[in-house]
Amino acid sequence: MSTVEYNLSELRKEIVPYKPKIIAVTKYFDETKLVEAYEDGLRDFGENRVQDALLKISKLPQEVRQNSRFHLIGHLQSNKVKKAVGHFYLIQSVDSLKLAQLISNEAERLGIVQKVLLQVNNAHEEAKSGFDVDDLKRDFSQIISLENIKVEGLMNIAPIAPEEELHRLFDGMRELKEQLESDFSYELKELSMGMSSDYKIALEHGSTMIRIGRKLFL
């Protein structure tokens, strides 16, 4: 049994009650690890940088490339929008109205609808991207009115913090999701929360996607 196969088996046992999607974060690993994870049954892969991701995807066997879903989970710069739109199943890191508009414009040019998540920085970390909660509430109606993006849900990246703080932050995300759904009569299917160090807490608060890197591959 390979390392990835063993780690995945153990992870699946832990998350059985919750049934989230596992996003295998491959940003620090080459395409051979991605193929290994694919062979063990994973189909969703997360990358941080557009150009690195596209290069890695280009090296994959055709079967893996065609049957996998690639997620952009890192900050998307405005000047990289044209390279990202249409190449990722889900852009999880939309952090401003302006970026949403640029993505929608490029998707319209390509004749597609790009699925996205809206990243929320509810820990107010200066070093991280993401909507402030009040700004998202203000801009949400404009974002969901954009014709060529489909907002599938919300995403956050929690800080390294005591468990009590993580519970508060993840529960705040769940409450925000429910409030937006209620206020705007709009379904948000996904709540992408939790990484290798904190996914168990995130699942307790309704995460539907966990982003797992080192716990899978090391």
C-alpha atoms as a PDB file:
ATOM      1  CA  MET A   1       0.000   0.000   0.000  1.00  0.00           C
ATOM      2  CA  SER A   2       1.415   3.371  -1.020  1.00  0.00           C
ATOM      3  CA  THR A   3       1.684   6.330   1.342  1.00  0.00           C
ATOM      4  CA  VAL A   4      -1.122   8.171  -0.429  1.00  0.00           C
ATOM      5  CA  GLU A   5      -3.364   5.106  -0.447  1.00  0.00           C
ATOM      6  CA  TYR A   6      -2.826   4.524   3.282  1.00  0.00           C
ATOM      7  CA  ASN A   7      -3.315   8.185   4.208  1.00  0.00           C
ATOM      8  CA  LEU A   8      -6.451   8.428   2.097  1.00  0.00           C
ATOM      9  CA  SER A   9      -7.869   5.288   3.679  1.00  0.00           C
ATOM     10  CA  GLU A  10      -7.329   6.705   7.171  1.00  0.00           C
ATOM     11  CA  LEU A  11      -8.782  10.081   6.187  1.00  0.00           C
ATOM     12  CA  ARG A  12     -11.907   8.510   4.713  1.00  0.00           C
ATOM     13  CA  LYS A  13     -12.542   6.633   7.961  1.00  0.00           C
ATOM     14  CA  GLU A  14     -12.448   9.917   9.882  1.00  0.00           C
ATOM     15  CA  ILE A  15     -14.810  11.833   7.616  1.00  0.00           C
ATOM     16  CA  VAL A  16     -17.454   9.146   7.053  1.00  0.00           C
ATOM     17  CA  PRO A  17     -20.221  10.960   8.998  1.00  0.00           C
ATOM     18  CA  TYR A  18     -19.716  14.186   7.039  1.00  0.00           C
ATOM     19  CA  LYS A  19     -19.101  13.046   3.441  1.00  0.00           C
ATOM     20  CA  PRO A  20     -17.196  16.161   2.232  1.00  0.00           C
ATOM     21  CA  LYS A  21     -15.376  16.392  -1.079  1.00  0.00           C
ATOM     22  CA  ILE A  22     -11.646  15.897  -0.594  1.00  0.00           C
ATOM     23  CA  ILE A  23      -9.630  18.447  -2.561  1.00  0.00           C
ATOM     24  CA  ALA A  24      -6.107  17.020  -2.836  1.00  0.00           C
ATOM     25  CA  VAL A  25      -3.796  20.017  -2.613  1.00  0.00           C
ATOM     26  CA  THR A  26      -0.941  19.248  -4.984  1.00  0.00           C
ATOM     27  CA  LYS A  27       0.808  22.622  -5.061  1.00  0.00           C
ATOM     28  CA  TYR A  28       3.977  21.258  -3.401  1.00  0.00           C
ATOM     29  CA  PHE A  29       3.958  17.943  -5.280  1.00  0.00           C
ATOM     30  CA  ASP A  30       4.636  17.021  -8.888  1.00  0.00           C
ATOM     31  CA  GLU A  31       2.311  15.345 -11.356  1.00  0.00           C
ATOM     32  CA  THR A  32       3.397  11.831 -10.292  1.00  0.00           C
ATOM     33  CA  LYS A  33       1.796  12.363  -6.876  1.00  0.00           C
ATOM     34  CA  LEU A  34      -1.333  13.707  -8.528  1.00  0.00           C
ATOM     35  CA  VAL A  35      -1.542  10.598 -10.702  1.00  0.00           C
ATOM     36  CA  GLU A  36      -1.052   8.413  -7.629  1.00  0.00           C
ATOM     37  CA  ALA A  37      -3.931  10.169  -5.866  1.00  0.00           C
ATOM     38  CA  TYR A  38      -6.074   9.788  -8.994  1.00  0.00           C
ATOM     39  CA  GLU A  39      -5.354   6.057  -9.084  1.00  0.00           C
ATOM     40  CA  ASP A  40      -6.493   5.862  -5.464  1.00  0.00           C
ATOM     41  CA  GLY A  41      -9.848   7.368  -6.405  1.00  0.00           C
ATOM     42  CA  LEU A  42      -9.470  11.125  -5.949  1.00  0.00           C
ATOM     43  CA  ARG A  43     -10.777  13.400  -8.681  1.00  0.00           C
ATOM     44  CA  ASP A  44     -10.516  16.922  -7.218  1.00  0.00           C
ATOM     45  CA  PHE A  45      -7.135  18.675  -7.099  1.00  0.00           C
ATOM     46  CA  GLY A  46      -6.213  22.083  -5.732  1.00  0.00           C
ATOM     47  CA  GLU A  47      -3.427  24.354  -6.950  1.00  0.00           C
ATOM     48  CA  ASN A  48      -2.282  27.789  -5.790  1.00  0.00           C
ATOM     49  CA  ARG A  49      -0.679  29.342  -8.857  1.00  0.00           C
ATOM     50  CA  VAL A  50      -2.260  29.505 -12.297  1.00  0.00           C
ATOM     51  CA  GLN A  51       0.871  28.995 -14.398  1.00  0.00           C
ATOM     52  CA  ASP A  52       2.269  26.211 -12.201  1.00  0.00           C
ATOM     53  CA  ALA A  53      -1.079  24.447 -12.314  1.00  0.00           C
ATOM     54  CA  LEU A  54      -1.461  24.672 -16.088  1.00  0.00           C
ATOM     55  CA  LEU A  55       2.059  23.333 -16.609  1.00  0.00           C
ATOM     56  CA  LYS A  56       1.419  20.420 -14.271  1.00  0.00           C
ATOM     57  CA  ILE A  57      -1.946  19.660 -15.879  1.00  0.00           C
ATOM     58  CA  SER A  58      -0.310  19.630 -19.323  1.00  0.00           C
ATOM     59  CA  LYS A  59       2.031  16.857 -18.159  1.00  0.00           C
ATOM     60  CA  LEU A  60      -0.743  14.563 -16.968  1.00  0.00           C
ATOM     61  CA  PRO A  61      -1.898  11.487 -18.883  1.00  0.00           C
ATOM     62  CA  GLN A  62      -4.956  12.250 -20.983  1.00  0.00           C
ATOM     63  CA  GLU A  63      -7.268  10.067 -18.886  1.00  0.00           C
ATOM     64  CA  VAL A  64      -6.290  11.837 -15.662  1.00  0.00           C
ATOM     65  CA  ARG A  65      -6.562  15.277 -17.243  1.00  0.00           C
ATOM     66  CA  GLN A  66     -10.006  14.635 -18.728  1.00  0.00           C
ATOM     67  CA  ASN A  67     -11.540  12.991 -15.668  1.00  0.00           C
ATOM     68  CA  SER A  68     -10.233  15.304 -12.949  1.00  0.00           C
ATOM     69  CA  ARG A  69     -11.581  18.573 -11.595  1.00  0.00           C
ATOM     70  CA  PHE A  70      -8.989  21.261 -10.940  1.00  0.00           C
ATOM     71  CA  HIS A  71      -9.561  23.946  -8.306  1.00  0.00           C
ATOM     72  CA  LEU A  72      -7.695  27.224  -8.040  1.00  0.00           C
ATOM     73  CA  ILE A  73      -7.322  27.815  -4.298  1.00  0.00           C
ATOM     74  CA  GLY A  74      -4.628  30.497  -4.284  1.00  0.00           C
ATOM     75  CA  HIS A  75      -5.000  34.241  -4.778  1.00  0.00           C
ATOM     76  CA  LEU A  76      -5.889  35.130  -8.364  1.00  0.00           C
ATOM     77  CA  GLN A  77      -4.294  38.319  -9.647  1.00  0.00           C
ATOM     78  CA  SER A  78      -6.282  40.398 -12.114  1.00  0.00           C
ATOM     79  CA  ASN A  79      -3.633  39.958 -14.811  1.00  0.00           C
ATOM     80  CA  LYS A  80      -3.947  36.154 -14.571  1.00  0.00           C
ATOM     81  CA  VAL A  81      -7.709  36.008 -15.080  1.00  0.00           C
ATOM     82  CA  LYS A  82      -7.503  35.234 -18.794  1.00  0.00           C
ATOM     83  CA  LYS A  83      -5.187  32.295 -18.099  1.00  0.00           C
ATOM     84  CA  ALA A  84      -7.409  30.925 -15.343  1.00  0.00           C
ATOM     85  CA  VAL A  85     -10.955  31.156 -16.674  1.00  0.00           C
ATOM     86  CA  GLY A  86     -12.057  27.965 -18.398  1.00  0.00           C
ATOM     87  CA  HIS A  87      -9.089  25.965 -17.160  1.00  0.00           C
ATOM     88  CA  PHE A  88     -10.357  25.363 -13.632  1.00  0.00           C
ATOM     89  CA  TYR A  89     -13.539  23.572 -12.634  1.00  0.00           C
ATOM     90  CA  LEU A  90     -13.817  25.941  -9.679  1.00  0.00           C
ATOM     91  CA  ILE A  91     -12.007  29.166  -8.817  1.00  0.00           C
ATOM     92  CA  GLN A  92     -12.261  29.109  -5.036  1.00  0.00           C
ATOM     93  CA  SER A  93     -10.481  32.372  -4.330  1.00  0.00           C
ATOM     94  CA  VAL A  94     -12.669  35.181  -5.681  1.00  0.00           C
ATOM     95  CA  ASP A  95     -12.022  37.948  -3.175  1.00  0.00           C
ATOM     96  CA  SER A  96     -13.550  41.121  -4.631  1.00  0.00           C
ATOM     97  CA  LEU A  97     -16.391  42.414  -6.786  1.00  0.00           C
ATOM     98  CA  LYS A  98     -13.837  43.664  -9.314  1.00  0.00           C
ATOM     99  CA  LEU A  99     -12.293  40.194  -9.674  1.00  0.00           C
ATOM    100  CA  ALA A 100     -15.728  38.617 -10.061  1.00  0.00           C
ATOM    101  CA  GLN A 101     -16.518  41.103 -12.840  1.00  0.00           C
ATOM    102  CA  LEU A 102     -13.256  40.369 -14.660  1.00  0.00           C
ATOM    103  CA  ILE A 103     -13.886  36.618 -14.456  1.00  0.00           C
ATOM    104  CA  SER A 104     -17.422  37.032 -15.754  1.00  0.00           C
ATOM    105  CA  ASN A 105     -16.229  39.220 -18.643  1.00  0.00           C
ATOM    106  CA  GLU A 106     -13.622  36.654 -19.701  1.00  0.00           C
ATOM    107  CA  ALA A 107     -16.095  33.803 -19.353  1.00  0.00           C
ATOM    108  CA  GLU A 108     -18.542  35.714 -21.559  1.00  0.00           C
ATOM    109  CA  ARG A 109     -15.812  36.136 -24.158  1.00  0.00           C
ATOM    110  CA  LEU A 110     -15.223  32.376 -24.094  1.00  0.00           C
ATOM    111  CA  GLY A 111     -18.929  31.558 -24.137  1.00  0.00           C
ATOM    112  CA  ILE A 112     -18.872  29.710 -20.814  1.00  0.00           C
ATOM    113  CA  VAL A 113     -20.064  30.083 -17.230  1.00  0.00           C
ATOM    114  CA  GLN A 114     -17.215  29.885 -14.704  1.00  0.00           C
ATOM    115  CA  LYS A 115     -17.996  28.346 -11.322  1.00  0.00           C
ATOM    116  CA  VAL A 116     -16.523  30.197  -8.352  1.00  0.00           C
ATOM    117  CA  LEU A 117     -16.428  30.383  -4.583  1.00  0.00           C
ATOM    118  CA  LEU A 118     -16.190  33.671  -2.716  1.00  0.00           C
ATOM    119  CA  GLN A 119     -13.256  33.791  -0.313  1.00  0.00           C
ATOM    120  CA  VAL A 120     -14.001  35.365   3.060  1.00  0.00           C
ATOM    121  CA  ASN A 121     -11.321  36.671   5.412  1.00  0.00           C
ATOM    122  CA  ASN A 122     -13.412  36.525   8.576  1.00  0.00           C
ATOM    123  CA  ALA A 123     -10.286  36.375  10.749  1.00  0.00           C
ATOM    124  CA  HIS A 124      -9.293  39.842   9.454  1.00  0.00           C
ATOM    125  CA  GLU A 125      -5.731  38.733   8.646  1.00  0.00           C
ATOM    126  CA  GLU A 126      -3.846  41.446   6.789  1.00  0.00           C
ATOM    127  CA  ALA A 127      -1.616  38.938   4.991  1.00  0.00           C
ATOM    128  CA  LYS A 128      -4.555  37.020   3.503  1.00  0.00           C
ATOM    129  CA  SER A 129      -6.979  37.839   0.734  1.00  0.00           C
ATOM    130  CA  GLY A 130     -10.724  37.616   1.041  1.00  0.00           C
ATOM    131  CA  PHE A 131     -13.881  39.626   1.482  1.00  0.00           C
ATOM    132  CA  ASP A 132     -14.600  41.380   4.713  1.00  0.00           C
ATOM    133  CA  VAL A 133     -17.979  40.049   5.874  1.00  0.00           C
ATOM    134  CA  ASP A 134     -19.710  43.438   5.607  1.00  0.00           C
ATOM    135  CA  ASP A 135     -18.245  44.069   2.147  1.00  0.00           C
ATOM    136  CA  LEU A 136     -19.485  40.698   0.923  1.00  0.00           C
ATOM    137  CA  LYS A 137     -23.003  41.391   2.183  1.00  0.00           C
ATOM    138  CA  ARG A 138     -22.891  44.748   0.373  1.00  0.00           C
ATOM    139  CA  ASP A 139     -21.579  43.338  -2.923  1.00  0.00           C
ATOM    140  CA  PHE A 140     -23.321  39.962  -2.995  1.00  0.00           C
ATOM    141  CA  SER A 141     -26.337  40.988  -5.072  1.00  0.00           C
ATOM    142  CA  GLN A 142     -24.079  42.478  -7.761  1.00  0.00           C
ATOM    143  CA  ILE A 143     -21.881  39.386  -7.834  1.00  0.00           C
ATOM    144  CA  ILE A 144     -24.714  36.896  -8.232  1.00  0.00           C
ATOM    145  CA  SER A 145     -26.222  39.056 -10.992  1.00  0.00           C
ATOM    146  CA  LEU A 146     -23.131  38.605 -13.176  1.00  0.00           C
ATOM    147  CA  GLU A 147     -24.253  36.403 -16.039  1.00  0.00           C
ATOM    148  CA  ASN A 148     -21.125  34.390 -16.727  1.00  0.00           C
ATOM    149  CA  ILE A 149     -20.137  33.253 -13.276  1.00  0.00           C
ATOM    150  CA  LYS A 150     -21.976  30.860 -10.976  1.00  0.00           C
ATOM    151  CA  VAL A 151     -21.334  31.357  -7.268  1.00  0.00           C
ATOM    152  CA  GLU A 152     -21.329  27.871  -5.792  1.00  0.00           C
ATOM    153  CA  GLY A 153     -20.497  28.845  -2.210  1.00  0.00           C
ATOM    154  CA  LEU A 154     -17.974  30.340   0.189  1.00  0.00           C
ATOM    155  CA  MET A 155     -14.379  29.569   1.134  1.00  0.00           C
ATOM    156  CA  ASN A 156     -12.055  30.601   3.935  1.00  0.00           C
ATOM    157  CA  ILE A 157      -8.499  29.939   5.074  1.00  0.00           C
ATOM    158  CA  ALA A 158      -8.342  29.847   8.834  1.00  0.00           C
ATOM    159  CA  PRO A 159      -5.302  31.102  10.740  1.00  0.00           C
ATOM    160  CA  ILE A 160      -3.156  29.002  13.040  1.00  0.00           C
ATOM    161  CA  ALA A 161      -5.171  29.550  16.187  1.00  0.00           C
ATOM    162  CA  PRO A 162      -6.494  27.851  19.343  1.00  0.00           C
ATOM    163  CA  GLU A 163      -9.358  25.411  18.770  1.00  0.00           C
ATOM    164  CA  GLU A 164     -11.857  27.729  20.416  1.00  0.00           C
ATOM    165  CA  GLU A 165     -11.046  30.447  17.871  1.00  0.00           C
ATOM    166  CA  LEU A 166     -11.280  27.989  14.975  1.00  0.00           C
ATOM    167  CA  HIS A 167     -14.707  26.872  16.133  1.00  0.00           C
ATOM    168  CA  ARG A 168     -15.803  30.526  16.205  1.00  0.00           C
ATOM    169  CA  LEU A 169     -14.430  31.294  12.743  1.00  0.00           C
ATOM    170  CA  PHE A 170     -15.839  28.195  11.047  1.00  0.00           C
ATOM    171  CA  ASP A 171     -19.214  28.647  12.705  1.00  0.00           C
ATOM    172  CA  GLY A 172     -19.170  32.264  11.566  1.00  0.00           C
ATOM    173  CA  MET A 173     -18.752  31.060   7.998  1.00  0.00           C
ATOM    174  CA  ARG A 174     -21.695  28.696   8.345  1.00  0.00           C
ATOM    175  CA  GLU A 175     -23.837  31.515   9.732  1.00  0.00           C
ATOM    176  CA  LEU A 176     -22.758  33.857   6.913  1.00  0.00           C
ATOM    177  CA  LYS A 177     -23.660  31.254   4.302  1.00  0.00           C
ATOM    178  CA  GLU A 178     -27.095  30.748   5.825  1.00  0.00           C
ATOM    179  CA  GLN A 179     -27.699  34.491   6.131  1.00  0.00           C
ATOM    180  CA  LEU A 180     -26.786  35.143   2.491  1.00  0.00           C
ATOM    181  CA  GLU A 181     -29.021  32.285   1.363  1.00  0.00           C
ATOM    182  CA  SER A 182     -31.908  33.700   3.385  1.00  0.00           C
ATOM    183  CA  ASP A 183     -31.406  37.372   2.530  1.00  0.00           C
ATOM    184  CA  PHE A 184     -30.889  36.870  -1.211  1.00  0.00           C
ATOM    185  CA  SER A 185     -32.936  33.680  -1.831  1.00  0.00           C
ATOM    186  CA  TYR A 186     -29.826  32.146  -3.354  1.00  0.00           C
ATOM    187  CA  GLU A 187     -28.502  28.623  -2.747  1.00  0.00           C
ATOM    188  CA  LEU A 188     -24.848  28.311  -1.744  1.00  0.00           C
ATOM    189  CA  LYS A 189     -24.048  24.623  -2.117  1.00  0.00           C
ATOM    190  CA  GLU A 190     -20.440  24.620  -0.999  1.00  0.00           C
ATOM    191  CA  LEU A 191     -18.555  25.671   2.097  1.00  0.00           C
ATOM    192  CA  SER A 192     -14.846  25.095   1.499  1.00  0.00           C
ATOM    193  CA  MET A 193     -13.212  25.105   4.940  1.00  0.00           C
ATOM    194  CA  GLY A 194     -10.500  23.114   6.616  1.00  0.00           C
ATOM    195  CA  MET A 195      -7.013  21.959   5.742  1.00  0.00           C
ATOM    196  CA  SER A 196      -4.713  19.246   7.076  1.00  0.00           C
ATOM    197  CA  SER A 197      -4.432  20.835  10.518  1.00  0.00           C
ATOM    198  CA  ASP A 198      -8.029  21.867  11.136  1.00  0.00           C
ATOM    199  CA  TYR A 199     -10.388  19.910   8.860  1.00  0.00           C
ATOM    200  CA  LYS A 200     -11.991  17.997  11.753  1.00  0.00           C
ATOM    201  CA  ILE A 201     -13.168  21.245  13.331  1.00  0.00           C
ATOM    202  CA  ALA A 202     -14.312  22.627   9.968  1.00  0.00           C
ATOM    203  CA  LEU A 203     -16.454  19.544   9.345  1.00  0.00           C
ATOM    204  CA  GLU A 204     -18.260  20.072  12.640  1.00  0.00           C
ATOM    205  CA  HIS A 205     -19.445  23.418  11.279  1.00  0.00           C
ATOM    206  CA  GLY A 206     -20.726  22.289   7.908  1.00  0.00           C
ATOM    207  CA  SER A 207     -17.725  22.215   5.578  1.00  0.00           C
ATOM    208  CA  THR A 208     -18.542  20.458   2.307  1.00  0.00           C
ATOM    209  CA  MET A 209     -14.987  20.615   0.923  1.00  0.00           C
ATOM    210  CA  ILE A 210     -11.743  20.014   2.787  1.00  0.00           C
ATOM    211  CA  ARG A 211      -8.422  20.948   1.201  1.00  0.00           C
ATOM    212  CA  ILE A 212      -5.823  18.352   2.160  1.00  0.00           C
ATOM    213  CA  GLY A 213      -2.129  18.387   1.180  1.00  0.00           C
ATOM    214  CA  ARG A 214       0.539  17.126   3.517  1.00  0.00           C
ATOM    215  CA  LYS A 215      -1.801  14.741   5.377  1.00  0.00           C
ATOM    216  CA  LEU A 216      -2.311  12.927   2.086  1.00  0.00           C
ATOM    217  CA  PHE A 217       1.109  13.058   0.510  1.00  0.00           C
ATOM    218  CA  LEU A 218       3.622  12.916   3.388  1.00  0.00           C
END
